[in-house]
Amino acid sequence: MAYPVDPNPSAGVHNDVHATQQNPLGAVRMFSDGNQYIYLKGVASTAANDWVVFDETYQTTRAVATSGGPAAIAQAATIASTFGWYLYIGSGTAYVLSAALSAATLYANAQAGAAATAVVSNKGYLNAMTATAAASNAATVRINRPWLGDNTIS
């Protein structure tokens, strides 16, 4: 379990779900696992390891092929009435469809919250790639402030 080591005050460990807001929305903090997490508001049906995009008010949407904007990976089931930490910089488990290979470029998929190596609607994750092959719709990924958008991957 990763806990905050950043000098800025933070509440909760990386996979906590908060019923009330415990940290400033958009706060990015370093945790003991060496990763950096961003504090965001949840959205309905979010599961641990889902890809999300968020807006300027730090409201999340589960990523799909028509999504765009800054992205992160849910660390817990942060539904619409909750808040939590999302992987933003580093390495961790993400929802990646089983066909994905190691060191692959990632793209949004029609399935909410999933990434894949197949191009769908030309929406790619900039600054994100698989570190291991996907198994059972999960893979280790490396990300650095990922961005989901048109023509980001060539």
N, C-alpha and C. Protein backbone atom coordinates (compact mmCIF):
# COMPACT_ATOMS: atom_id res chain seq x y z
N MET A 1 0.85 -1.17 0.00
CA MET A 1 0.00 0.00 0.00
C MET A 1 0.89 1.23 0.00
N ALA A 2 0.67 2.13 -0.94
CA ALA A 2 1.47 3.35 -1.04
C ALA A 2 0.84 4.46 -0.20
N TYR A 3 1.68 5.22 0.45
CA TYR A 3 1.22 6.33 1.27
C TYR A 3 1.97 7.59 0.84
N PRO A 4 1.41 8.77 1.11
CA PRO A 4 2.05 10.02 0.68
C PRO A 4 3.40 10.25 1.34
N VAL A 5 4.40 10.67 0.55
CA VAL A 5 5.71 11.06 1.08
C VAL A 5 6.04 12.49 0.63
N ASP A 6 5.14 13.10 -0.10
CA ASP A 6 5.30 14.47 -0.58
C ASP A 6 5.31 15.41 0.62
N PRO A 7 6.08 16.50 0.57
CA PRO A 7 6.08 17.43 1.71
C PRO A 7 4.75 18.18 1.90
N ASN A 8 3.91 18.20 0.88
CA ASN A 8 2.59 18.84 1.01
C ASN A 8 1.65 17.90 1.74
N PRO A 9 0.80 18.40 2.62
CA PRO A 9 -0.11 17.52 3.36
C PRO A 9 -1.09 16.81 2.43
N SER A 10 -1.36 15.55 2.74
CA SER A 10 -2.28 14.74 1.94
C SER A 10 -3.01 13.77 2.85
N ALA A 11 -4.27 13.51 2.51
CA ALA A 11 -5.06 12.53 3.26
C ALA A 11 -5.22 11.27 2.43
N GLY A 12 -5.08 10.12 3.08
CA GLY A 12 -5.36 8.85 2.44
C GLY A 12 -4.18 8.21 1.76
N VAL A 13 -4.33 6.89 1.53
CA VAL A 13 -3.36 6.13 0.75
C VAL A 13 -3.86 6.08 -0.69
N HIS A 14 -3.01 5.54 -1.58
CA HIS A 14 -3.30 5.66 -3.01
C HIS A 14 -4.61 5.01 -3.46
N ASN A 15 -5.09 4.00 -2.77
CA ASN A 15 -6.33 3.33 -3.21
C ASN A 15 -7.51 3.56 -2.27
N ASP A 16 -7.43 4.61 -1.46
CA ASP A 16 -8.57 4.99 -0.61
C ASP A 16 -9.68 5.60 -1.45
N VAL A 17 -10.91 5.42 -1.01
CA VAL A 17 -12.07 6.10 -1.58
C VAL A 17 -12.64 6.97 -0.48
N HIS A 18 -12.81 8.25 -0.76
CA HIS A 18 -13.30 9.21 0.23
C HIS A 18 -14.74 9.60 -0.09
N ALA A 19 -15.63 9.50 0.89
CA ALA A 19 -17.03 9.90 0.73
C ALA A 19 -17.17 11.41 0.67
N THR A 20 -16.22 12.12 1.27
CA THR A 20 -16.18 13.58 1.19
C THR A 20 -14.78 13.98 0.72
N GLN A 21 -14.67 15.12 0.13
CA GLN A 21 -13.39 15.59 -0.39
C GLN A 21 -12.40 15.80 0.76
N GLN A 22 -11.23 15.13 0.67
CA GLN A 22 -10.22 15.18 1.72
C GLN A 22 -8.96 15.94 1.31
N ASN A 23 -8.81 16.22 0.01
CA ASN A 23 -7.64 16.90 -0.54
C ASN A 23 -8.12 17.89 -1.60
N PRO A 24 -7.29 18.86 -1.95
CA PRO A 24 -7.69 19.77 -3.03
C PRO A 24 -7.81 18.99 -4.36
N LEU A 25 -8.88 19.25 -5.10
CA LEU A 25 -9.02 18.61 -6.40
C LEU A 25 -7.86 19.06 -7.30
N GLY A 26 -7.28 18.11 -8.01
CA GLY A 26 -6.15 18.40 -8.89
C GLY A 26 -4.80 18.35 -8.21
N ALA A 27 -4.78 18.12 -6.89
CA ALA A 27 -3.50 18.01 -6.17
C ALA A 27 -2.73 16.81 -6.70
N VAL A 28 -1.46 16.99 -6.97
CA VAL A 28 -0.58 15.89 -7.41
C VAL A 28 0.43 15.68 -6.29
N ARG A 29 0.53 14.44 -5.83
CA ARG A 29 1.41 14.13 -4.71
C ARG A 29 2.26 12.89 -5.01
N MET A 30 3.49 12.90 -4.49
CA MET A 30 4.40 11.74 -4.56
C MET A 30 4.03 10.79 -3.44
N PHE A 31 4.00 9.48 -3.78
CA PHE A 31 3.70 8.45 -2.79
C PHE A 31 4.90 7.53 -2.62
N SER A 32 4.87 6.69 -1.60
CA SER A 32 6.00 5.84 -1.23
C SER A 32 6.39 4.82 -2.31
N ASP A 33 5.52 4.54 -3.27
CA ASP A 33 5.86 3.61 -4.34
C ASP A 33 6.62 4.29 -5.48
N GLY A 34 6.92 5.59 -5.33
CA GLY A 34 7.65 6.34 -6.35
C GLY A 34 6.76 6.94 -7.42
N ASN A 35 5.47 6.64 -7.39
CA ASN A 35 4.52 7.18 -8.35
C ASN A 35 3.94 8.49 -7.85
N GLN A 36 3.38 9.27 -8.79
CA GLN A 36 2.65 10.47 -8.42
C GLN A 36 1.18 10.26 -8.79
N TYR A 37 0.31 10.69 -7.89
CA TYR A 37 -1.13 10.52 -8.04
C TYR A 37 -1.80 11.88 -8.03
N ILE A 38 -2.93 11.97 -8.74
CA ILE A 38 -3.72 13.20 -8.78
C ILE A 38 -5.05 12.92 -8.09
N TYR A 39 -5.52 13.88 -7.32
CA TYR A 39 -6.76 13.72 -6.56
C TYR A 39 -7.92 14.24 -7.42
N LEU A 40 -8.91 13.36 -7.69
CA LEU A 40 -10.02 13.67 -8.58
C LEU A 40 -11.34 13.21 -8.00
N LYS A 41 -12.41 13.78 -8.54
CA LYS A 41 -13.77 13.33 -8.20
C LYS A 41 -14.11 12.14 -9.09
N GLY A 42 -14.81 11.16 -8.53
CA GLY A 42 -15.18 9.96 -9.27
C GLY A 42 -16.35 10.18 -10.21
N VAL A 43 -16.67 9.14 -10.95
CA VAL A 43 -17.80 9.14 -11.87
C VAL A 43 -18.44 7.75 -11.82
N ALA A 44 -19.72 7.68 -12.11
CA ALA A 44 -20.46 6.41 -12.04
C ALA A 44 -19.74 5.29 -12.78
N SER A 45 -19.76 4.11 -12.19
CA SER A 45 -19.25 2.86 -12.77
C SER A 45 -17.74 2.77 -12.86
N THR A 46 -17.00 3.70 -12.28
CA THR A 46 -15.54 3.61 -12.33
C THR A 46 -15.08 2.45 -11.45
N ALA A 47 -14.20 1.63 -12.01
CA ALA A 47 -13.60 0.52 -11.28
C ALA A 47 -12.10 0.78 -11.15
N ALA A 48 -11.46 0.10 -10.22
CA ALA A 48 -10.01 0.20 -10.11
C ALA A 48 -9.39 -0.17 -11.45
N ASN A 49 -8.37 0.56 -11.85
CA ASN A 49 -7.59 0.38 -13.07
C ASN A 49 -8.23 0.95 -14.32
N ASP A 50 -9.42 1.56 -14.21
CA ASP A 50 -10.05 2.20 -15.37
C ASP A 50 -9.28 3.46 -15.77
N TRP A 51 -9.23 3.70 -17.07
CA TRP A 51 -8.71 4.95 -17.62
C TRP A 51 -9.82 5.99 -17.54
N VAL A 52 -9.47 7.18 -17.10
CA VAL A 52 -10.42 8.29 -17.07
C VAL A 52 -9.78 9.51 -17.72
N VAL A 53 -10.62 10.41 -18.19
CA VAL A 53 -10.17 11.75 -18.57
C VAL A 53 -10.84 12.71 -17.61
N PHE A 54 -10.23 13.88 -17.42
CA PHE A 54 -10.82 14.84 -16.49
C PHE A 54 -10.80 16.23 -17.10
N ASP A 55 -11.71 17.07 -16.59
CA ASP A 55 -11.83 18.43 -17.12
C ASP A 55 -11.16 19.44 -16.18
N GLU A 56 -11.34 20.72 -16.48
CA GLU A 56 -10.68 21.77 -15.70
C GLU A 56 -11.19 21.88 -14.28
N THR A 57 -12.33 21.25 -13.96
CA THR A 57 -12.83 21.23 -12.59
C THR A 57 -12.51 19.90 -11.90
N TYR A 58 -11.72 19.07 -12.56
CA TYR A 58 -11.26 17.78 -12.04
C TYR A 58 -12.38 16.75 -11.88
N GLN A 59 -13.41 16.87 -12.71
CA GLN A 59 -14.48 15.88 -12.78
C GLN A 59 -14.04 14.83 -13.79
N THR A 60 -14.21 13.57 -13.47
CA THR A 60 -13.74 12.50 -14.35
C THR A 60 -14.85 11.95 -15.22
N THR A 61 -14.44 11.35 -16.33
CA THR A 61 -15.30 10.60 -17.23
C THR A 61 -14.52 9.35 -17.61
N ARG A 62 -15.16 8.20 -17.59
CA ARG A 62 -14.46 6.99 -18.04
C ARG A 62 -14.12 7.16 -19.52
N ALA A 63 -12.87 6.91 -19.87
CA ALA A 63 -12.40 7.14 -21.23
C ALA A 63 -13.05 6.17 -22.22
N VAL A 64 -13.44 6.71 -23.37
CA VAL A 64 -13.94 5.94 -24.51
C VAL A 64 -13.30 6.51 -25.77
N ALA A 65 -13.61 5.92 -26.90
CA ALA A 65 -12.98 6.30 -28.17
C ALA A 65 -13.26 7.75 -28.57
N THR A 66 -14.28 8.37 -28.02
CA THR A 66 -14.59 9.76 -28.37
C THR A 66 -14.12 10.75 -27.30
N SER A 67 -13.45 10.28 -26.26
CA SER A 67 -12.96 11.15 -25.18
C SER A 67 -11.73 11.93 -25.60
N GLY A 68 -11.38 12.93 -24.81
CA GLY A 68 -10.16 13.66 -25.03
C GLY A 68 -9.80 14.47 -23.80
N GLY A 69 -8.52 14.76 -23.65
CA GLY A 69 -8.05 15.58 -22.56
C GLY A 69 -7.06 14.86 -21.66
N PRO A 70 -6.71 15.49 -20.53
CA PRO A 70 -5.77 14.85 -19.60
C PRO A 70 -6.38 13.55 -19.06
N ALA A 71 -5.53 12.56 -18.85
CA ALA A 71 -6.00 11.23 -18.44
C ALA A 71 -5.26 10.76 -17.19
N ALA A 72 -5.85 9.78 -16.52
CA ALA A 72 -5.25 9.16 -15.34
C ALA A 72 -5.88 7.78 -15.19
N ILE A 73 -5.38 7.01 -14.21
CA ILE A 73 -5.87 5.64 -13.99
C ILE A 73 -6.42 5.53 -12.57
N ALA A 74 -7.69 5.13 -12.47
CA ALA A 74 -8.34 4.98 -11.16
C ALA A 74 -7.62 3.92 -10.34
N GLN A 75 -7.45 4.19 -9.07
CA GLN A 75 -6.81 3.24 -8.16
C GLN A 75 -7.82 2.48 -7.32
N ALA A 76 -9.08 2.88 -7.39
CA ALA A 76 -10.17 2.24 -6.65
C ALA A 76 -11.47 2.55 -7.36
N ALA A 77 -12.55 1.96 -6.90
CA ALA A 77 -13.87 2.20 -7.47
C ALA A 77 -14.39 3.54 -6.97
N THR A 78 -13.94 4.60 -7.59
CA THR A 78 -14.34 5.96 -7.21
C THR A 78 -15.55 6.36 -8.04
N ILE A 79 -16.71 6.13 -7.48
CA ILE A 79 -17.97 6.41 -8.18
C ILE A 79 -18.33 7.89 -8.05
N ALA A 80 -19.45 8.29 -8.62
CA ALA A 80 -19.81 9.70 -8.73
C ALA A 80 -19.88 10.44 -7.40
N SER A 81 -20.19 9.78 -6.31
CA SER A 81 -20.33 10.46 -5.02
C SER A 81 -19.05 10.42 -4.20
N THR A 82 -17.93 9.99 -4.80
CA THR A 82 -16.70 9.82 -4.04
C THR A 82 -15.52 10.53 -4.70
N PHE A 83 -14.38 10.50 -3.99
CA PHE A 83 -13.14 11.13 -4.44
C PHE A 83 -12.01 10.14 -4.20
N GLY A 84 -10.90 10.30 -4.93
CA GLY A 84 -9.76 9.43 -4.69
C GLY A 84 -8.54 9.82 -5.49
N TRP A 85 -7.47 9.07 -5.26
CA TRP A 85 -6.20 9.27 -5.96
C TRP A 85 -6.17 8.43 -7.24
N TYR A 86 -5.65 9.02 -8.31
CA TYR A 86 -5.54 8.37 -9.62
C TYR A 86 -4.08 8.41 -10.04
N LEU A 87 -3.56 7.30 -10.57
CA LEU A 87 -2.18 7.27 -11.05
C LEU A 87 -2.03 8.28 -12.17
N TYR A 88 -0.99 9.12 -12.07
CA TYR A 88 -0.78 10.19 -13.03
C TYR A 88 0.63 10.16 -13.62
N ILE A 89 1.60 9.78 -12.81
CA ILE A 89 2.99 9.66 -13.27
C ILE A 89 3.58 8.42 -12.61
N GLY A 90 4.11 7.51 -13.42
CA GLY A 90 4.77 6.33 -12.88
C GLY A 90 4.32 5.05 -13.55
N SER A 91 4.34 3.98 -12.78
CA SER A 91 4.04 2.65 -13.29
C SER A 91 2.99 1.98 -12.42
N GLY A 92 2.02 1.33 -13.06
CA GLY A 92 0.97 0.65 -12.30
C GLY A 92 0.09 -0.18 -13.21
N THR A 93 -0.90 -0.79 -12.63
CA THR A 93 -1.83 -1.65 -13.37
C THR A 93 -2.94 -0.80 -13.97
N ALA A 94 -3.28 -1.13 -15.22
CA ALA A 94 -4.36 -0.43 -15.92
C ALA A 94 -5.21 -1.43 -16.68
N TYR A 95 -6.44 -1.02 -16.97
CA TYR A 95 -7.38 -1.81 -17.77
C TYR A 95 -6.94 -1.71 -19.22
N VAL A 96 -6.31 -2.77 -19.71
CA VAL A 96 -5.82 -2.85 -21.09
C VAL A 96 -6.33 -4.17 -21.67
N LEU A 97 -6.97 -4.09 -22.80
CA LEU A 97 -7.55 -5.29 -23.41
C LEU A 97 -6.47 -6.33 -23.70
N SER A 98 -6.83 -7.59 -23.58
CA SER A 98 -5.88 -8.70 -23.59
C SER A 98 -4.99 -8.80 -24.82
N ALA A 99 -5.35 -8.21 -25.93
CA ALA A 99 -4.52 -8.31 -27.13
C ALA A 99 -3.27 -7.45 -27.05
N ALA A 100 -3.18 -6.56 -26.07
CA ALA A 100 -2.06 -5.64 -25.98
C ALA A 100 -0.75 -6.36 -25.65
N LEU A 101 0.32 -5.91 -26.26
CA LEU A 101 1.65 -6.47 -26.06
C LEU A 101 2.49 -5.55 -25.19
N SER A 102 3.65 -6.05 -24.78
CA SER A 102 4.58 -5.24 -24.01
C SER A 102 5.16 -4.13 -24.90
N ALA A 103 5.43 -2.97 -24.31
CA ALA A 103 6.01 -1.80 -25.00
C ALA A 103 5.13 -1.32 -26.15
N ALA A 104 3.83 -1.42 -25.99
CA ALA A 104 2.90 -1.01 -27.04
C ALA A 104 2.34 0.38 -26.79
N THR A 105 2.07 1.08 -27.87
CA THR A 105 1.36 2.35 -27.81
C THR A 105 -0.09 2.07 -27.45
N LEU A 106 -0.70 2.95 -26.68
CA LEU A 106 -2.07 2.73 -26.23
C LEU A 106 -3.04 3.70 -26.88
N TYR A 107 -4.24 3.20 -27.14
CA TYR A 107 -5.32 3.98 -27.74
C TYR A 107 -6.59 3.80 -26.91
N ALA A 108 -7.47 4.78 -27.01
CA ALA A 108 -8.79 4.66 -26.38
C ALA A 108 -9.55 3.55 -27.10
N ASN A 109 -10.56 3.04 -26.44
CA ASN A 109 -11.34 1.94 -26.97
C ASN A 109 -12.81 2.27 -26.79
N ALA A 110 -13.66 1.60 -27.55
CA ALA A 110 -15.10 1.83 -27.41
C ALA A 110 -15.60 1.37 -26.04
N GLN A 111 -14.89 0.45 -25.41
CA GLN A 111 -15.28 -0.05 -24.09
C GLN A 111 -14.83 0.96 -23.03
N ALA A 112 -15.76 1.49 -22.26
CA ALA A 112 -15.47 2.53 -21.27
C ALA A 112 -14.40 2.09 -20.29
N GLY A 113 -13.41 2.94 -20.10
CA GLY A 113 -12.35 2.69 -19.14
C GLY A 113 -11.21 1.85 -19.65
N ALA A 114 -11.32 1.31 -20.86
CA ALA A 114 -10.30 0.40 -21.39
C ALA A 114 -9.37 1.11 -22.36
N ALA A 115 -8.14 0.62 -22.42
CA ALA A 115 -7.19 1.02 -23.45
C ALA A 115 -6.88 -0.22 -24.28
N ALA A 116 -6.36 -0.01 -25.47
CA ALA A 116 -6.01 -1.12 -26.35
C ALA A 116 -4.86 -0.69 -27.26
N THR A 117 -4.26 -1.65 -27.94
CA THR A 117 -3.21 -1.33 -28.90
C THR A 117 -3.77 -1.13 -30.30
N ALA A 118 -5.04 -1.45 -30.49
CA ALA A 118 -5.70 -1.25 -31.78
C ALA A 118 -6.19 0.20 -31.87
N VAL A 119 -6.02 0.80 -33.04
CA VAL A 119 -6.46 2.18 -33.25
C VAL A 119 -7.98 2.22 -33.40
N VAL A 120 -8.64 3.02 -32.57
CA VAL A 120 -10.08 3.24 -32.65
C VAL A 120 -10.29 4.75 -32.71
N SER A 121 -10.89 5.25 -33.75
CA SER A 121 -11.18 6.68 -33.89
C SER A 121 -9.95 7.56 -33.75
N ASN A 122 -8.77 7.01 -33.98
CA ASN A 122 -7.52 7.78 -33.97
C ASN A 122 -7.30 8.54 -32.66
N LYS A 123 -7.75 7.99 -31.53
CA LYS A 123 -7.54 8.60 -30.22
C LYS A 123 -6.43 7.84 -29.49
N GLY A 124 -5.29 8.47 -29.35
CA GLY A 124 -4.17 7.83 -28.69
C GLY A 124 -3.80 8.49 -27.39
N TYR A 125 -3.18 7.72 -26.49
CA TYR A 125 -2.68 8.24 -25.22
C TYR A 125 -1.23 8.68 -25.42
N LEU A 126 -1.01 9.97 -25.36
CA LEU A 126 0.33 10.51 -25.41
C LEU A 126 0.95 10.30 -24.02
N ASN A 127 2.22 9.91 -23.97
CA ASN A 127 2.95 9.68 -22.72
C ASN A 127 2.43 8.48 -21.94
N ALA A 128 2.02 7.44 -22.66
CA ALA A 128 1.57 6.20 -22.01
C ALA A 128 1.92 5.01 -22.89
N MET A 129 2.39 3.94 -22.27
CA MET A 129 2.67 2.70 -23.01
C MET A 129 2.62 1.51 -22.05
N THR A 130 2.43 0.32 -22.63
CA THR A 130 2.43 -0.87 -21.80
C THR A 130 3.86 -1.21 -21.39
N ALA A 131 4.02 -1.73 -20.20
CA ALA A 131 5.32 -2.23 -19.72
C ALA A 131 5.32 -3.75 -19.74
N THR A 132 4.12 -4.37 -19.71
CA THR A 132 3.98 -5.82 -19.81
C THR A 132 2.83 -6.11 -20.76
N ALA A 133 2.80 -7.33 -21.27
CA ALA A 133 1.67 -7.75 -22.09
C ALA A 133 0.43 -7.85 -21.21
N ALA A 134 -0.72 -7.60 -21.80
CA ALA A 134 -1.97 -7.66 -21.03
C ALA A 134 -2.39 -9.11 -20.82
N ALA A 135 -2.90 -9.37 -19.63
CA ALA A 135 -3.46 -10.68 -19.29
C ALA A 135 -4.72 -10.42 -18.48
N SER A 136 -5.80 -11.06 -18.83
CA SER A 136 -7.08 -10.86 -18.14
C SER A 136 -7.47 -9.38 -18.09
N ASN A 137 -7.24 -8.69 -19.19
CA ASN A 137 -7.60 -7.27 -19.34
C ASN A 137 -6.89 -6.35 -18.35
N ALA A 138 -5.67 -6.69 -17.98
CA ALA A 138 -4.85 -5.84 -17.12
C ALA A 138 -3.41 -5.91 -17.60
N ALA A 139 -2.73 -4.79 -17.54
CA ALA A 139 -1.31 -4.74 -17.90
C ALA A 139 -0.64 -3.70 -17.02
N THR A 140 0.65 -3.86 -16.84
CA THR A 140 1.43 -2.82 -16.20
C THR A 140 1.72 -1.78 -17.27
N VAL A 141 1.49 -0.53 -16.94
CA VAL A 141 1.73 0.57 -17.87
C VAL A 141 2.67 1.58 -17.24
N ARG A 142 3.32 2.36 -18.10
CA ARG A 142 4.13 3.50 -17.66
C ARG A 142 3.49 4.74 -18.24
N ILE A 143 3.21 5.71 -17.37
CA ILE A 143 2.57 6.94 -17.84
C ILE A 143 3.28 8.16 -17.25
N ASN A 144 3.15 9.27 -17.95
CA ASN A 144 3.70 10.53 -17.47
C ASN A 144 2.75 11.65 -17.91
N ARG A 145 1.80 11.97 -17.04
CA ARG A 145 0.77 12.96 -17.35
C ARG A 145 0.14 12.68 -18.71
N PRO A 146 -0.50 11.52 -18.87
CA PRO A 146 -1.03 11.15 -20.19
C PRO A 146 -2.11 12.10 -20.68
N TRP A 147 -2.20 12.18 -21.99
CA TRP A 147 -3.18 13.02 -22.67
C TRP A 147 -3.83 12.19 -23.75
N LEU A 148 -5.14 12.15 -23.78
CA LEU A 148 -5.87 11.41 -24.79
C LEU A 148 -6.39 12.39 -25.84
N GLY A 149 -6.01 12.17 -27.08
CA GLY A 149 -6.46 13.10 -28.09
C GLY A 149 -6.28 12.59 -29.51
N ASP A 150 -6.81 13.35 -30.46
CA ASP A 150 -6.70 13.02 -31.88
C ASP A 150 -5.27 13.17 -32.36
N ASN A 151 -4.87 12.22 -33.20
CA ASN A 151 -3.58 12.29 -33.88
C ASN A 151 -2.39 12.48 -32.95
N THR A 152 -2.47 12.01 -31.72
CA THR A 152 -1.34 12.18 -30.81
C THR A 152 -0.27 11.11 -31.06
N ILE A 153 -0.64 10.04 -31.70
CA ILE A 153 0.28 8.94 -31.96
C ILE A 153 0.38 8.77 -33.46
N SER A 154 1.57 8.62 -33.97
CA SER A 154 1.69 8.39 -35.41
C SER A 154 2.31 7.05 -35.70
